[in-house]
């Protein structure tokens, strides 16, 4: 059980940057979409 716990910690620490990057990209895409829609509206 301890081994499983340490494995989970290692995996989550490796996955965190990926999740962070995906979050940043998603937010950026949402902002770009909102800005584009706003700039095209009369």
Protein backbone atom coordinates (compact mmCIF):
# COMPACT_ATOMS: atom_id res chain seq x y z
CA UNK A 1 0.00 0.00 0.00
CA UNK A 2 2.92 2.29 0.77
CA UNK A 3 4.42 1.47 -2.63
CA UNK A 4 1.14 2.35 -4.34
CA UNK A 5 1.05 5.64 -2.46
CA UNK A 6 4.59 6.58 -3.49
CA UNK A 7 3.85 5.57 -7.09
CA UNK A 8 0.78 7.80 -7.09
CA UNK A 9 2.84 10.71 -5.76
CA UNK A 10 5.47 10.20 -8.45
CA UNK A 11 2.87 9.97 -11.21
CA UNK A 12 0.95 13.02 -9.98
CA UNK A 13 4.16 15.06 -9.73
CA UNK A 14 4.99 14.09 -13.33
CA UNK A 15 1.44 14.74 -14.54
CA UNK A 16 1.08 18.15 -12.85
CA UNK A 17 3.06 20.15 -15.45
CA UNK A 18 1.03 18.51 -18.23
CA UNK A 19 -2.27 19.33 -16.55
CA UNK A 20 -1.02 22.88 -15.88
CA UNK A 21 -0.03 23.29 -19.54
CA UNK A 22 -3.41 21.98 -20.76
CA UNK A 23 -5.17 24.42 -18.40
CA UNK A 24 -3.10 27.35 -19.70
CA UNK A 25 -3.81 26.41 -23.33
CA UNK A 26 -7.54 26.04 -22.64
CA UNK A 27 -7.72 29.43 -20.91
CA UNK A 28 -5.71 31.04 -23.72
CA UNK A 29 -8.03 29.56 -26.36
CA UNK A 30 -11.09 30.77 -24.44
CA UNK A 31 -9.63 34.29 -24.14
CA UNK A 32 -8.70 34.41 -27.84
CA UNK A 33 -12.19 33.23 -28.81
CA UNK A 34 -13.81 35.84 -26.55
CA UNK A 35 -11.56 38.62 -27.87
CA UNK A 36 -12.21 37.60 -31.49
CA UNK A 37 -15.97 37.55 -30.96
CA UNK A 38 -15.81 40.90 -29.16
CA UNK A 39 -13.71 42.56 -31.86
CA UNK A 40 -15.99 41.26 -34.64
CA UNK A 41 -19.18 42.43 -32.94
CA UNK A 42 -20.45 45.82 -34.15
